PDB file of N, CA and C in Angstrom:
ATOM      1  N   MET A   1     135.841  59.882  94.461  1.00  0.00           N
ATOM      2  CA  MET A   1     136.253  58.353  94.525  1.00  0.00           C
ATOM      3  C   MET A   1     134.846  57.530  93.918  1.00  0.00           C
ATOM      4  N   PRO A   2     135.574  57.097  92.785  1.00  0.00           N
ATOM      5  CA  PRO A   2     134.324  55.961  91.880  1.00  0.00           C
ATOM      6  C   PRO A   2     133.812  55.029  92.642  1.00  0.00           C
ATOM      7  N   THR A   3     132.356  54.602  92.471  1.00  0.00           N
ATOM      8  CA  THR A   3     132.212  53.372  93.088  1.00  0.00           C
ATOM      9  C   THR A   3     132.330  52.038  92.544  1.00  0.00           C
ATOM     10  N   LEU A   4     132.377  51.067  92.657  1.00  0.00           N
ATOM     11  CA  LEU A   4     132.525  49.698  92.122  1.00  0.00           C
ATOM     12  C   LEU A   4     131.929  49.648  90.669  1.00  0.00           C
ATOM     13  N   GLU A   5     130.572  50.071  90.698  1.00  0.00           N
ATOM     14  CA  GLU A   5     129.750  50.021  89.473  1.00  0.00           C
ATOM     15  C   GLU A   5     130.499  50.976  88.607  1.00  0.00           C
ATOM     16  N   GLN A   6     130.742  52.104  88.826  1.00  0.00           N
ATOM     17  CA  GLN A   6     131.427  53.104  87.644  1.00  0.00           C
ATOM     18  C   GLN A   6     132.813  52.930  87.641  1.00  0.00           C
ATOM     19  N   LEU A   7     133.457  52.279  88.323  1.00  0.00           N
ATOM     20  CA  LEU A   7     134.861  51.566  87.855  1.00  0.00           C
ATOM     21  C   LEU A   7     134.512  50.250  86.888  1.00  0.00           C
ATOM     22  N   GLU A   8     133.324  49.521  86.868  1.00  0.00           N
ATOM     23  CA  GLU A   8     133.186  48.573  86.352  1.00  0.00           C
ATOM     24  C   GLU A   8     132.332  48.801  84.749  1.00  0.00           C
ATOM     25  N   LYS A   9     131.937  50.199  84.484  1.00  0.00           N
ATOM     26  CA  LYS A   9     131.439  50.787  83.402  1.00  0.00           C
ATOM     27  C   LYS A   9     132.746  51.201  82.991  1.00  0.00           C
ATOM     28  N   ILE A  10     133.537  51.952  83.170  1.00  0.00           N
ATOM     29  CA  ILE A  10     134.858  52.303  82.919  1.00  0.00           C
ATOM     30  C   ILE A  10     135.594  51.741  82.407  1.00  0.00           C
ATOM     31  N   ASN A  11     136.142  50.421  83.122  1.00  0.00           N
ATOM     32  CA  ASN A  11     136.623  49.051  82.340  1.00  0.00           C
ATOM     33  C   ASN A  11     135.977  48.546  81.015  1.00  0.00           C
ATOM     34  N   SER A  12     135.008  48.633  81.057  1.00  0.00           N
ATOM     35  CA  SER A  12     133.895  47.991  80.047  1.00  0.00           C
ATOM     36  C   SER A  12     134.267  48.726  78.950  1.00  0.00           C
ATOM     37  N   LEU A  13     134.080  50.041  79.103  1.00  0.00           N
ATOM     38  CA  LEU A  13     134.388  51.334  77.745  1.00  0.00           C
ATOM     39  C   LEU A  13     135.784  51.281  77.575  1.00  0.00           C
ATOM     40  N   ALA A  14     136.644  51.307  77.982  1.00  0.00           N
ATOM     41  CA  ALA A  14     138.258  50.727  78.041  1.00  0.00           C
ATOM     42  C   ALA A  14     138.408  49.660  77.101  1.00  0.00           C
ATOM     43  N   LEU A  15     137.789  48.833  77.650  1.00  0.00           N
ATOM     44  CA  LEU A  15     137.809  47.470  76.811  1.00  0.00           C
ATOM     45  C   LEU A  15     137.250  47.430  75.645  1.00  0.00           C
ATOM     46  N   GLY A  16     136.054  47.882  75.580  1.00  0.00           N
ATOM     47  CA  GLY A  16     135.384  47.859  73.707  1.00  0.00           C
ATOM     48  C   GLY A  16     136.484  49.049  73.412  1.00  0.00           C
ATOM     49  N   VAL A  17     137.047  49.888  73.749  1.00  0.00           N
ATOM     50  CA  VAL A  17     137.907  50.745  72.937  1.00  0.00           C
ATOM     51  C   VAL A  17     138.953  50.201  72.362  1.00  0.00           C
ATOM     52  N   LEU A  18     139.796  49.466  73.318  1.00  0.00           N
ATOM     53  CA  LEU A  18     140.913  48.591  73.008  1.00  0.00           C
ATOM     54  C   LEU A  18     140.274  47.604  71.556  1.00  0.00           C
ATOM     55  N   ASN A  19     138.865  46.624  72.242  1.00  0.00           N
ATOM     56  CA  ASN A  19     138.807  45.767  71.188  1.00  0.00           C
ATOM     57  C   ASN A  19     138.366  46.436  69.456  1.00  0.00           C
ATOM     58  N   MET A  20     137.780  47.719  70.108  1.00  0.00           N
ATOM     59  CA  MET A  20     137.761  48.264  68.546  1.00  0.00           C
ATOM     60  C   MET A  20     139.052  48.397  67.629  1.00  0.00           C
ATOM     61  N   SER A  21     140.012  48.987  68.663  1.00  0.00           N
ATOM     62  CA  SER A  21     141.287  49.446  68.152  1.00  0.00           C
ATOM     63  C   SER A  21     142.048  48.062  67.355  1.00  0.00           C
ATOM     64  N   ARG A  22     141.978  47.173  68.201  1.00  0.00           N
ATOM     65  CA  ARG A  22     142.834  45.583  67.576  1.00  0.00           C
ATOM     66  C   ARG A  22     142.013  45.428  66.578  1.00  0.00           C
ATOM     67  N   ASN A  23     140.702  45.296  66.661  1.00  0.00           N
ATOM     68  CA  ASN A  23     139.870  45.010  65.240  1.00  0.00           C
ATOM     69  C   ASN A  23     140.155  45.870  64.211  1.00  0.00           C
ATOM     70  N   SER A  24     140.423  47.066  64.153  1.00  0.00           N
ATOM     71  CA  SER A  24     140.860  48.294  62.946  1.00  0.00           C
ATOM     72  C   SER A  24     142.116  47.513  62.803  1.00  0.00           C
ATOM     73  N   LEU A  25     143.339  47.515  63.764  1.00  0.00           N
ATOM     74  CA  LEU A  25     144.467  46.886  63.255  1.00  0.00           C
ATOM     75  C   LEU A  25     144.610  45.688  62.362  1.00  0.00           C
ATOM     76  N   VAL A  26     143.469  45.036  62.596  1.00  0.00           N
ATOM     77  CA  VAL A  26     143.403  43.741  62.186  1.00  0.00           C
ATOM     78  C   VAL A  26     143.292  43.881  60.404  1.00  0.00           C
ATOM     79  N   VAL A  27     142.168  44.525  60.408  1.00  0.00           N
ATOM     80  CA  VAL A  27     141.601  44.777  59.256  1.00  0.00           C
ATOM     81  C   VAL A  27     142.471  45.785  58.334  1.00  0.00           C
ATOM     82  N   ASN A  28     143.307  46.771  58.619  1.00  0.00           N
ATOM     83  CA  ASN A  28     144.639  47.134  57.936  1.00  0.00           C
ATOM     84  C   ASN A  28     145.615  46.716  57.556  1.00  0.00           C
ATOM     85  N   MET A  29     145.894  45.505  58.624  1.00  0.00           N
ATOM     86  CA  MET A  29     147.400  44.723  58.772  1.00  0.00           C
ATOM     87  C   MET A  29     146.790  43.067  58.639  1.00  0.00           C
ATOM     88  N   ARG A  30     145.962  42.830  57.821  1.00  0.00           N
ATOM     89  CA  ARG A  30     145.816  41.360  57.777  1.00  0.00           C
ATOM     90  C   ARG A  30     147.023  40.838  58.236  1.00  0.00           C
ATOM     91  N   PHE A  31     148.079  40.996  57.426  1.00  0.00           N
ATOM     92  CA  PHE A  31     149.197  40.124  57.484  1.00  0.00           C
ATOM     93  C   PHE A  31     149.530  40.042  59.068  1.00  0.00           C
ATOM     94  N   MET A  32     149.245  40.452  59.957  1.00  0.00           N
ATOM     95  CA  MET A  32     149.676  40.728  61.296  1.00  0.00           C
ATOM     96  C   MET A  32     148.388  40.128  62.613  1.00  0.00           C
ATOM     97  N   ASP A  33     147.414  39.811  61.912  1.00  0.00           N
ATOM     98  CA  ASP A  33     146.383  38.857  62.460  1.00  0.00           C
ATOM     99  C   ASP A  33     146.645  38.106  63.408  1.00  0.00           C
ATOM    100  N   THR A  34     147.450  37.451  63.501  1.00  0.00           N
ATOM    101  CA  THR A  34     148.034  36.449  64.251  1.00  0.00           C
ATOM    102  C   THR A  34     148.722  37.155  65.608  1.00  0.00           C
ATOM    103  N   ALA A  35     149.377  37.986  65.090  1.00  0.00           N
ATOM    104  CA  ALA A  35     150.302  38.945  66.015  1.00  0.00           C
ATOM    105  C   ALA A  35     149.287  39.721  67.162  1.00  0.00           C
ATOM    106  N   LEU A  36     148.624  40.186  66.406  1.00  0.00           N
ATOM    107  CA  LEU A  36     147.587  41.413  66.942  1.00  0.00           C
ATOM    108  C   LEU A  36     146.585  40.508  67.680  1.00  0.00           C
ATOM    109  N   GLY A  37     146.328  39.432  67.721  1.00  0.00           N
ATOM    110  CA  GLY A  37     145.343  38.766  68.310  1.00  0.00           C
ATOM    111  C   GLY A  37     145.680  38.006  69.629  1.00  0.00           C
ATOM    112  N   ARG A  38     147.205  38.029  69.546  1.00  0.00           N
ATOM    113  CA  ARG A  38     147.666  37.617  71.148  1.00  0.00           C
ATOM    114  C   ARG A  38     147.716  37.708  71.892  1.00  0.00           C
ATOM    115  N   LEU A  39     147.803  39.085  72.508  1.00  0.00           N
ATOM    116  CA  LEU A  39     147.846  39.380  73.972  1.00  0.00           C
ATOM    117  C   LEU A  39     146.406  39.522  74.404  1.00  0.00           C
ATOM    118  N   MET A  40     146.268  39.368  75.552  1.00  0.00           N
ATOM    119  CA  MET A  40     145.053  39.167  76.631  1.00  0.00           C
ATOM    120  C   MET A  40     144.777  40.785  77.295  1.00  0.00           C
ATOM    121  N   PHE A  41     143.744  41.501  77.085  1.00  0.00           N
ATOM    122  CA  PHE A  41     143.892  42.590  78.037  1.00  0.00           C
ATOM    123  C   PHE A  41     143.789  42.679  79.336  1.00  0.00           C
ATOM    124  N   VAL A  42     144.543  43.007  80.308  1.00  0.00           N
ATOM    125  CA  VAL A  42     144.612  43.056  81.756  1.00  0.00           C
ATOM    126  C   VAL A  42     144.453  44.831  82.100  1.00  0.00           C
ATOM    127  N   PRO A  43     143.222  44.906  82.854  1.00  0.00           N
ATOM    128  CA  PRO A  43     143.261  46.592  83.513  1.00  0.00           C
ATOM    129  C   PRO A  43     144.331  46.380  84.682  1.00  0.00           C
ATOM    130  N   MET A  44     144.806  47.620  85.213  1.00  0.00           N
ATOM    131  CA  MET A  44     145.919  47.774  85.977  1.00  0.00           C
ATOM    132  C   MET A  44     145.972  49.315  86.423  1.00  0.00           C
ATOM    133  N   GLY A  45     145.959  49.990  87.205  1.00  0.00           N
ATOM    134  CA  GLY A  45     145.784  51.218  87.440  1.00  0.00           C
ATOM    135  C   GLY A  45     147.376  52.010  87.438  1.00  0.00           C
ATOM    136  N   SER A  46     148.076  52.243  86.395  1.00  0.00           N
ATOM    137  CA  SER A  46     149.119  52.513  86.020  1.00  0.00           C
ATOM    138  C   SER A  46     149.349  53.803  85.803  1.00  0.00           C
ATOM    139  N   GLU A  47     148.781  54.276  84.621  1.00  0.00           N
ATOM    140  CA  GLU A  47     148.491  55.261  83.554  1.00  0.00           C
ATOM    141  C   GLU A  47     149.314  55.570  82.391  1.00  0.00           C
ATOM    142  N   LYS A  48     149.883  53.920  82.269  1.00  0.00           N
ATOM    143  CA  LYS A  48     150.619  53.653  81.356  1.00  0.00           C
ATOM    144  C   LYS A  48     149.954  52.439  80.723  1.00  0.00           C
ATOM    145  N   THR A  49     150.473  51.717  79.494  1.00  0.00           N
ATOM    146  CA  THR A  49     149.839  50.445  78.711  1.00  0.00           C
ATOM    147  C   THR A  49     151.743  49.644  79.177  1.00  0.00           C
ATOM    148  N   SER A  50     151.538  48.623  78.858  1.00  0.00           N
ATOM    149  CA  SER A  50     153.034  47.811  78.910  1.00  0.00           C
ATOM    150  C   SER A  50     152.697  46.251  78.750  1.00  0.00           C
ATOM    151  N   THR A  51     153.242  45.661  78.031  1.00  0.00           N
ATOM    152  CA  THR A  51     152.961  44.045  77.987  1.00  0.00           C
ATOM    153  C   THR A  51     154.389  43.189  78.514  1.00  0.00           C
ATOM    154  N   ASP A  52     153.885  41.801  78.915  1.00  0.00           N
ATOM    155  CA  ASP A  52     155.135  41.013  79.207  1.00  0.00           C
ATOM    156  C   ASP A  52     155.213  39.929  78.024  1.00  0.00           C
ATOM    157  N   GLY A  53     154.651  39.989  77.307  1.00  0.00           N
ATOM    158  CA  GLY A  53     154.765  39.200  75.783  1.00  0.00           C
ATOM    159  C   GLY A  53     153.154  38.387  76.014  1.00  0.00           C
ATOM    160  N   GLU A  54     152.379  38.222  76.919  1.00  0.00           N
ATOM    161  CA  GLU A  54     151.161  37.742  76.944  1.00  0.00           C
ATOM    162  C   GLU A  54     150.045  38.284  77.486  1.00  0.00           C
ATOM    163  N   TYR A  55     150.592  39.675  78.067  1.00  0.00           N
ATOM    164  CA  TYR A  55     149.252  40.266  78.376  1.00  0.00           C
ATOM    165  C   TYR A  55     149.404  41.690  78.091  1.00  0.00           C
ATOM    166  N   PHE A  56     148.471  42.055  77.672  1.00  0.00           N
ATOM    167  CA  PHE A  56     148.610  43.992  77.545  1.00  0.00           C
ATOM    168  C   PHE A  56     147.780  44.647  78.697  1.00  0.00           C
ATOM    169  N   TYR A  57     148.523  45.048  79.605  1.00  0.00           N
ATOM    170  CA  TYR A  57     148.414  45.984  80.799  1.00  0.00           C
ATOM    171  C   TYR A  57     148.101  47.357  80.471  1.00  0.00           C
ATOM    172  N   TYR A  58     147.051  47.602  80.939  1.00  0.00           N
ATOM    173  CA  TYR A  58     146.313  49.167  80.648  1.00  0.00           C
ATOM    174  C   TYR A  58     145.878  49.296  81.818  1.00  0.00           C
ATOM    175  N   ASP A  59     145.503  51.016  82.015  1.00  0.00           N
ATOM    176  CA  ASP A  59     145.045  51.756  82.858  1.00  0.00           C
ATOM    177  C   ASP A  59     143.664  51.963  82.031  1.00  0.00           C
ATOM    178  N   PRO A  60     142.422  51.619  82.578  1.00  0.00           N
ATOM    179  CA  PRO A  60     140.968  52.039  81.676  1.00  0.00           C
ATOM    180  C   PRO A  60     141.051  53.636  81.424  1.00  0.00           C
ATOM    181  N   MET A  61     141.132  54.413  82.598  1.00  0.00           N
ATOM    182  CA  MET A  61     141.120  55.945  82.314  1.00  0.00           C
ATOM    183  C   MET A  61     142.074  56.526  81.380  1.00  0.00           C
ATOM    184  N   HIS A  62     143.327  55.780  81.545  1.00  0.00           N
ATOM    185  CA  HIS A  62     144.325  56.208  80.392  1.00  0.00           C
ATOM    186  C   HIS A  62     143.806  55.842  78.792  1.00  0.00           C
ATOM    187  N   ILE A  63     143.343  54.674  78.842  1.00  0.00           N
ATOM    188  CA  ILE A  63     143.031  54.585  77.490  1.00  0.00           C
ATOM    189  C   ILE A  63     141.847  55.414  76.951  1.00  0.00           C
ATOM    190  N   LEU A  64     140.554  55.909  77.693  1.00  0.00           N
ATOM    191  CA  LEU A  64     139.744  56.675  77.569  1.00  0.00           C
ATOM    192  C   LEU A  64     139.905  57.851  77.327  1.00  0.00           C
ATOM    193  N   HIS A  65     141.102  58.341  78.131  1.00  0.00           N
ATOM    194  CA  HIS A  65     141.533  59.885  77.709  1.00  0.00           C
ATOM    195  C   HIS A  65     142.742  59.926  76.849  1.00  0.00           C
ATOM    196  N   SER A  66     143.068  58.854  76.242  1.00  0.00           N
ATOM    197  CA  SER A  66     143.692  58.623  75.069  1.00  0.00           C
ATOM    198  C   SER A  66     142.689  58.710  73.759  1.00  0.00           C
ATOM    199  N   TYR A  67     141.879  57.885  73.864  1.00  0.00           N
ATOM    200  CA  TYR A  67     140.713  57.877  72.632  1.00  0.00           C
ATOM    201  C   TYR A  67     140.114  59.295  72.376  1.00  0.00           C
ATOM    202  N   ARG A  68     139.784  60.109  73.551  1.00  0.00           N
ATOM    203  CA  ARG A  68     138.829  61.259  73.649  1.00  0.00           C
ATOM    204  C   ARG A  68     140.362  62.097  72.610  1.00  0.00           C
ATOM    205  N   ARG A  69     141.445  62.193  72.867  1.00  0.00           N
ATOM    206  CA  ARG A  69     142.249  62.972  72.788  1.00  0.00           C
ATOM    207  C   ARG A  69     142.896  62.628  70.995  1.00  0.00           C
ATOM    208  N   GLU A  70     142.893  61.424  70.828  1.00  0.00           N
ATOM    209  CA  GLU A  70     142.912  61.135  69.419  1.00  0.00           C
ATOM    210  C   GLU A  70     142.536  59.550  68.914  1.00  0.00           C
ATOM    211  N   LYS A  71     141.518  59.512  68.410  1.00  0.00           N
ATOM    212  CA  LYS A  71     140.893  58.204  68.431  1.00  0.00           C
ATOM    213  C   LYS A  71     141.982  56.890  67.780  1.00  0.00           C
ATOM    214  N   GLU A  72     142.631  57.419  66.846  1.00  0.00           N
ATOM    215  CA  GLU A  72     143.924  56.066  66.785  1.00  0.00           C
ATOM    216  C   GLU A  72     144.954  55.913  68.054  1.00  0.00           C
ATOM    217  N   LEU A  73     145.132  56.795  68.890  1.00  0.00           N
ATOM    218  CA  LEU A  73     146.263  56.534  70.062  1.00  0.00           C
ATOM    219  C   LEU A  73     146.092  55.258  70.522  1.00  0.00           C
ATOM    220  N   PRO A  74     145.126  55.120  71.180  1.00  0.00           N
ATOM    221  CA  PRO A  74     145.229  53.337  71.722  1.00  0.00           C
ATOM    222  C   PRO A  74     145.317  52.263  70.924  1.00  0.00           C
ATOM    223  N   GLY A  75     144.978  52.676  69.658  1.00  0.00           N
ATOM    224  CA  GLY A  75     145.542  51.280  68.397  1.00  0.00           C
ATOM    225  C   GLY A  75     147.031  51.232  68.600  1.00  0.00           C
ATOM    226  N   ARG A  76     147.446  52.497  68.490  1.00  0.00           N
ATOM    227  CA  ARG A  76     148.886  52.951  68.074  1.00  0.00           C
ATOM    228  C   ARG A  76     149.729  52.369  69.534  1.00  0.00           C
ATOM    229  N   GLN A  77     148.924  52.877  71.015  1.00  0.00           N
ATOM    230  CA  GLN A  77     149.703  52.087  71.898  1.00  0.00           C
ATOM    231  C   GLN A  77     149.924  50.564  71.679  1.00  0.00           C
ATOM    232  N   TYR A  78     148.647  50.083  71.562  1.00  0.00           N
ATOM    233  CA  TYR A  78     148.849  48.482  71.420  1.00  0.00           C
ATOM    234  C   TYR A  78     149.683  48.083  70.331  1.00  0.00           C
ATOM    235  N   LEU A  79     149.733  48.468  69.080  1.00  0.00           N
ATOM    236  CA  LEU A  79     150.735  47.734  68.029  1.00  0.00           C
ATOM    237  C   LEU A  79     152.106  48.340  68.696  1.00  0.00           C
ATOM    238  N   HIS A  80     152.368  49.569  69.486  1.00  0.00           N
ATOM    239  CA  HIS A  80     153.582  49.500  69.753  1.00  0.00           C
ATOM    240  C   HIS A  80     153.953  48.509  70.837  1.00  0.00           C
ATOM    241  N   ALA A  81     153.064  47.647  71.620  1.00  0.00           N
ATOM    242  CA  ALA A  81     153.396  46.733  72.479  1.00  0.00           C
ATOM    243  C   ALA A  81     153.764  45.771  71.458  1.00  0.00           C
ATOM    244  N   ILE A  82     152.873  45.495  70.468  1.00  0.00           N
ATOM    245  CA  ILE A  82     153.082  44.081  69.610  1.00  0.00           C
ATOM    246  C   ILE A  82     154.586  44.331  69.237  1.00  0.00           C
ATOM    247  N   PHE A  83     154.936  45.587  68.774  1.00  0.00           N
ATOM    248  CA  PHE A  83     156.300  45.547  67.952  1.00  0.00           C
ATOM    249  C   PHE A  83     157.159  45.375  69.193  1.00  0.00           C
ATOM    250  N   HIS A  84     157.424  45.822  70.311  1.00  0.00           N
ATOM    251  CA  HIS A  84     158.103  45.108  71.454  1.00  0.00           C
ATOM    252  C   HIS A  84     157.830  43.649  71.686  1.00  0.00           C
ATOM    253  N   CYS A  85     156.793  42.834  71.239  1.00  0.00           N
ATOM    254  CA  CYS A  85     156.980  41.367  71.241  1.00  0.00           C
ATOM    255  C   CYS A  85     157.645  40.865  69.919  1.00  0.00           C
ATOM    256  N   ILE A  86     157.214  41.250  69.002  1.00  0.00           N
ATOM    257  CA  ILE A  86     157.737  40.768  67.222  1.00  0.00           C
ATOM    258  C   ILE A  86     159.342  40.852  67.773  1.00  0.00           C
ATOM    259  N   TYR A  87     159.742  42.143  67.922  1.00  0.00           N
ATOM    260  CA  TYR A  87     161.320  42.184  67.952  1.00  0.00           C
ATOM    261  C   TYR A  87     161.783  41.804  69.526  1.00  0.00           C
ATOM    262  N   ARG A  88     161.192  41.067  70.311  1.00  0.00           N
ATOM    263  CA  ARG A  88     161.631  40.561  71.703  1.00  0.00           C
ATOM    264  C   ARG A  88     162.330  41.923  72.433  1.00  0.00           C
ATOM    265  N   HIS A  89     161.132  42.997  72.571  1.00  0.00           N
ATOM    266  CA  HIS A  89     161.962  43.995  72.976  1.00  0.00           C
ATOM    267  C   HIS A  89     161.292  44.443  74.577  1.00  0.00           C
ATOM    268  N   MET A  90     160.438  43.197  75.061  1.00  0.00           N
ATOM    269  CA  MET A  90     159.763  43.784  76.068  1.00  0.00           C
ATOM    270  C   MET A  90     160.308  44.079  77.313  1.00  0.00           C
ATOM    271  N   PHE A  91     161.825  43.877  77.430  1.00  0.00           N
ATOM    272  CA  PHE A  91     162.603  44.115  78.840  1.00  0.00           C
ATOM    273  C   PHE A  91     163.821  44.788  77.955  1.00  0.00           C
ATOM    274  N   ILE A  92     163.869  45.960  78.249  1.00  0.00           N
ATOM    275  CA  ILE A  92     165.211  46.896  78.111  1.00  0.00           C
ATOM    276  C   ILE A  92     166.454  46.919  78.745  1.00  0.00           C
ATOM    277  N   GLY A  93     166.294  46.691  80.017  1.00  0.00           N
ATOM    278  CA  GLY A  93     167.464  46.569  80.699  1.00  0.00           C
ATOM    279  C   GLY A  93     167.631  48.076  81.233  1.00  0.00           C
ATOM    280  N   LYS A  94     168.436  48.231  82.262  1.00  0.00           N
ATOM    281  CA  LYS A  94     168.742  49.737  83.026  1.00  0.00           C
ATOM    282  C   LYS A  94     169.583  50.477  82.281  1.00  0.00           C
ATOM    283  N   LEU A  95     170.744  50.179  81.341  1.00  0.00           N
ATOM    284  CA  LEU A  95     171.154  50.813  80.703  1.00  0.00           C
ATOM    285  C   LEU A  95     170.723  51.595  79.629  1.00  0.00           C
ATOM    286  N   VAL A  96     169.578  51.299  79.264  1.00  0.00           N
ATOM    287  CA  VAL A  96     169.014  51.650  77.868  1.00  0.00           C
ATOM    288  C   VAL A  96     168.151  52.765  78.662  1.00  0.00           C
ATOM    289  N   ASN A  97     167.750  54.205  77.631  1.00  0.00           N
ATOM    290  CA  ASN A  97     167.098  55.048  78.007  1.00  0.00           C
ATOM    291  C   ASN A  97     165.632  54.992  77.714  1.00  0.00           C
ATOM    292  N   GLU A  98     164.763  54.700  78.560  1.00  0.00           N
ATOM    293  CA  GLU A  98     163.482  54.072  78.230  1.00  0.00           C
ATOM    294  C   GLU A  98     162.942  55.269  77.459  1.00  0.00           C
ATOM    295  N   ARG A  99     162.671  56.755  77.776  1.00  0.00           N
ATOM    296  CA  ARG A  99     162.144  57.327  76.939  1.00  0.00           C
ATOM    297  C   ARG A  99     162.718  57.412  75.338  1.00  0.00           C
ATOM    298  N   TYR A 100     163.959  57.254  75.206  1.00  0.00           N
ATOM    299  CA  TYR A 100     164.229  57.378  73.929  1.00  0.00           C
ATOM    300  C   TYR A 100     164.205  55.789  73.030  1.00  0.00           C
ATOM    301  N   TRP A 101     164.218  55.022  74.242  1.00  0.00           N
ATOM    302  CA  TRP A 101     163.696  53.446  73.424  1.00  0.00           C
ATOM    303  C   TRP A 101     162.192  53.453  72.574  1.00  0.00           C
ATOM    304  N   ASN A 102     161.518  54.258  73.668  1.00  0.00           N
ATOM    305  CA  ASN A 102     160.296  54.333  73.056  1.00  0.00           C
ATOM    306  C   ASN A 102     159.577  55.112  72.054  1.00  0.00           C
ATOM    307  N   LEU A 103     160.548  56.337  72.144  1.00  0.00           N
ATOM    308  CA  LEU A 103     160.840  56.889  70.609  1.00  0.00           C
ATOM    309  C   LEU A 103     161.013  56.405  69.536  1.00  0.00           C
ATOM    310  N   ALA A 104     161.925  55.676  69.800  1.00  0.00           N
ATOM    311  CA  ALA A 104     162.398  54.713  68.239  1.00  0.00           C
ATOM    312  C   ALA A 104     161.468  53.857  67.997  1.00  0.00           C
ATOM    313  N   CYS A 105     160.875  52.975  68.828  1.00  0.00           N
ATOM    314  CA  CYS A 105     159.368  52.341  68.634  1.00  0.00           C
ATOM    315  C   CYS A 105     158.594  53.038  67.916  1.00  0.00           C
ATOM    316  N   GLU A 106     158.235  54.044  68.515  1.00  0.00           N
ATOM    317  CA  GLU A 106     156.930  55.215  67.873  1.00  0.00           C
ATOM    318  C   GLU A 106     157.913  55.667  66.279  1.00  0.00           C
ATOM    319  N   ILE A 107     158.797  55.741  66.195  1.00  0.00           N
ATOM    320  CA  ILE A 107     159.463  56.156  64.970  1.00  0.00           C
ATOM    321  C   ILE A 107     159.314  54.756  63.996  1.00  0.00           C
ATOM    322  N   VAL A 108     159.536  53.877  64.189  1.00  0.00           N
ATOM    323  CA  VAL A 108     159.694  52.696  63.528  1.00  0.00           C
ATOM    324  C   VAL A 108     157.738  52.004  63.252  1.00  0.00           C
ATOM    325  N   ASN A 109     157.005  52.439  63.947  1.00  0.00           N
ATOM    326  CA  ASN A 109     155.804  52.148  64.097  1.00  0.00           C
ATOM    327  C   ASN A 109     154.974  53.037  63.023  1.00  0.00           C
ATOM    328  N   LYS A 110     155.379  54.358  62.588  1.00  0.00           N
ATOM    329  CA  LYS A 110     154.819  55.181  62.053  1.00  0.00           C
ATOM    330  C   LYS A 110     155.427  55.324  60.427  1.00  0.00           C
ATOM    331  N   THR A 111     156.588  54.089  60.002  1.00  0.00           N
ATOM    332  CA  THR A 111     157.255  54.456  58.972  1.00  0.00           C
ATOM    333  C   THR A 111     156.772  52.785  58.245  1.00  0.00           C
TER     334      THR A 111
END
């Protein structure tokens, strides 16, 4: 079990990755700078990322593992959340298959 100091260091590193990822997106997509800077980062332990339109919730270990696997992945996760906000798709309802919904958002994200 990590100590409080270790958890703080992990979160600090994850926050650094998220800020770097967001800055990279802003440099490459200047037209979206207002939208990209809108969400505030909030750590939580869910092994996922999510948004409610005001906050970007993330699991610090998930962010670090994503970054280790592929350096652009945390930025794509953040952009995915931003697109959910832009298209007002934060909440998808019970009738929508969440897996297919997220896949469709990723396809739009890559085009």
